[in-house]
Amino acid sequence: MSPNTATGTPLRPAYDDQAAPAELRSDCQAATRRLSLTSPADRVRRAALRPAPSLEYADQPRETAKPQIQVSEAAARLAAAIYQD
């Protein structure tokens, strides 16, 4: 193990080098369950069960509101000072 250059303490590996692959896999699965992470297979399964989006014209949004930009007085003064004619 190489020492940490900042503190001089030995670095601890994130995993046990001597552990068997089956043990490492079970550790990963336990961490996934504990962190409530889903596997790629679960995500695919859920996506496959969702209904497809509608392609009907009537189901599409009609009007989408444009974002409103608000300029504060301070920003307006700054812009006027920078871009004087």
Foldseek 3Di string as FASTA:
>chain_A
DAADPVPRHRDDDPDDPPDDPVVVVVVVVVVCVVVVHDDPVVVVVVVVPDDDDDPDPVPDDDDDDDDDDDDDPVNVVVVCVVDPD
